Amino acid sequence: VQLQASGGGKVQAGGSLRLSCVVSGVITSVFNPRSMAWYRQAPGTQRESVAVITSSGRTNYVDSVKGRFTISRDNARKRVYLQMNSLTPEDTGLYYCNSDREEFNWGQGTLVTVSS
């Protein structure tokens, strides 16, 4: 299984980015039932889950991103997305996707840098 995250970049505070994650090497019957998540690792900190989406589309967010981030998924294409609005410098970090149980090998992530 490969997890390919993309869409990161450098933005100013208040800006927006949309991250995409392609999950390859897994059949849809394995992907579809799994809750998927976006994780963030800020400089000098541990990786944390910031958004989760269940197979049925229910979502949950860490308090710091509620109201600003939206996670979604496309089961047919085995993709997971993260729309990030009103970005702040505290959102800076490497962003990864994985199942909510971290079952797959971690990809390289995509870097988000927010300047003030």
Protein backbone atom coordinates (compact mmCIF):
# COMPACT_ATOMS: atom_id res chain seq x y z
CA VAL A 1 0.00 0.00 0.00
CA GLN A 2 1.24 3.46 -0.87
CA LEU A 3 -0.05 6.73 0.51
CA GLN A 4 0.75 9.73 -1.67
CA ALA A 5 -0.14 13.09 -0.16
CA SER A 6 0.05 16.27 -2.22
CA GLY A 7 -1.21 19.83 -2.32
CA GLY A 8 0.97 21.43 0.31
CA GLY A 9 2.75 24.71 -0.18
CA LYS A 10 3.53 28.11 1.28
CA VAL A 11 0.68 30.44 2.06
CA GLN A 12 0.09 33.52 4.14
CA ALA A 13 -2.06 33.46 7.22
CA GLY A 14 -5.72 33.46 6.26
CA GLY A 15 -5.08 31.52 3.08
CA SER A 16 -6.37 28.14 1.97
CA LEU A 17 -4.97 24.87 0.68
CA ARG A 18 -6.53 21.61 -0.43
CA LEU A 19 -4.59 18.45 0.28
CA SER A 20 -5.13 15.20 -1.57
CA CYS A 21 -4.12 11.67 -0.68
CA VAL A 22 -4.09 8.82 -3.16
CA VAL A 23 -4.19 5.34 -1.65
CA SER A 24 -2.79 2.79 -4.06
CA GLY A 25 -1.99 -0.89 -3.84
CA VAL A 26 -5.20 -1.70 -2.00
CA ILE A 27 -8.52 -2.90 -3.34
CA THR A 28 -11.66 -0.90 -2.65
CA SER A 29 -13.07 -3.62 -0.39
CA VAL A 30 -10.10 -3.00 1.91
CA PHE A 31 -10.11 0.80 1.64
CA ASN A 32 -13.83 1.53 1.79
CA PRO A 33 -14.62 0.13 5.25
CA ARG A 34 -11.74 1.94 6.89
CA SER A 35 -11.88 5.26 8.64
CA MET A 36 -9.21 7.49 7.19
CA ALA A 37 -7.40 10.39 8.79
CA TRP A 38 -5.13 13.29 8.13
CA TYR A 39 -2.21 13.71 10.47
CA ARG A 40 0.03 16.68 11.11
CA GLN A 41 3.56 16.81 12.43
CA ALA A 42 4.65 20.29 13.37
CA PRO A 43 8.37 21.01 13.80
CA GLY A 44 9.67 19.49 17.02
CA THR A 45 6.40 17.75 17.87
CA GLN A 46 4.87 14.32 17.53
CA ARG A 47 2.51 13.48 14.71
CA GLU A 48 -1.14 14.03 15.65
CA SER A 49 -4.44 13.24 14.01
CA VAL A 50 -6.29 16.40 13.00
CA ALA A 51 -9.25 15.01 11.03
CA VAL A 52 -10.97 11.64 10.67
CA ILE A 53 -13.64 10.42 8.29
CA THR A 54 -15.48 7.14 8.65
CA SER A 55 -16.49 4.86 5.82
CA SER A 56 -19.98 6.38 5.93
CA GLY A 57 -18.68 9.94 5.86
CA ARG A 58 -18.96 10.96 9.49
CA THR A 59 -16.18 13.35 10.44
CA ASN A 60 -14.32 14.39 13.55
CA TYR A 61 -11.71 17.08 14.09
CA VAL A 62 -9.22 18.14 16.67
CA ASP A 63 -10.42 21.32 18.37
CA SER A 64 -7.72 23.51 16.84
CA VAL A 65 -9.00 22.96 13.29
CA LYS A 66 -12.76 22.72 13.84
CA GLY A 67 -14.65 25.10 11.60
CA ARG A 68 -11.61 25.63 9.35
CA PHE A 69 -10.72 22.20 7.97
CA THR A 70 -12.96 19.78 6.10
CA ILE A 71 -12.06 16.17 5.43
CA SER A 72 -13.73 14.22 2.62
CA ARG A 73 -13.20 11.01 0.71
CA ASP A 74 -13.87 9.46 -2.68
CA ASN A 75 -14.21 5.73 -2.15
CA ALA A 76 -14.38 4.87 -5.83
CA ARG A 77 -11.04 6.58 -6.46
CA LYS A 78 -9.55 5.69 -3.07
CA ARG A 79 -8.73 9.27 -2.29
CA VAL A 80 -8.95 11.40 0.82
CA TYR A 81 -9.00 15.20 0.83
CA LEU A 82 -8.43 17.94 3.36
CA GLN A 83 -9.72 21.43 2.64
CA MET A 84 -7.91 23.88 4.91
CA ASN A 85 -9.20 27.44 5.26
CA SER A 86 -8.22 30.37 7.45
CA LEU A 87 -4.77 28.93 7.90
CA THR A 88 -2.59 30.15 10.74
CA PRO A 89 1.15 29.75 11.37
CA GLU A 90 0.25 27.07 13.91
CA ASP A 91 -0.97 24.90 11.03
CA THR A 92 2.55 24.67 9.66
CA GLY A 93 3.85 21.12 9.40
CA LEU A 94 4.07 17.94 7.41
CA TYR A 95 0.67 16.48 6.62
CA TYR A 96 0.11 12.76 6.10
CA CYS A 97 -2.86 10.53 5.50
CA ASN A 98 -3.36 7.03 6.84
CA SER A 99 -6.12 4.94 8.29
CA ASP A 100 -7.24 6.07 11.72
CA ARG A 101 -5.45 3.00 13.10
CA GLU A 102 -2.26 3.84 11.19
CA GLU A 103 -2.40 0.49 9.42
CA PHE A 104 -0.58 1.45 6.27
CA ASN A 105 3.05 2.41 5.73
CA TRP A 106 3.52 6.13 6.07
CA GLY A 107 4.12 8.10 2.92
CA GLN A 108 6.38 11.13 2.64
CA GLY A 109 3.70 13.62 3.51
CA THR A 110 3.18 17.07 2.08
CA LEU A 111 4.62 20.22 3.65
CA VAL A 112 2.40 23.13 4.60
CA THR A 113 4.06 26.38 5.58
CA VAL A 114 1.93 29.29 6.79
CA SER A 115 3.59 32.65 7.27
CA SER A 116 2.24 35.47 9.39
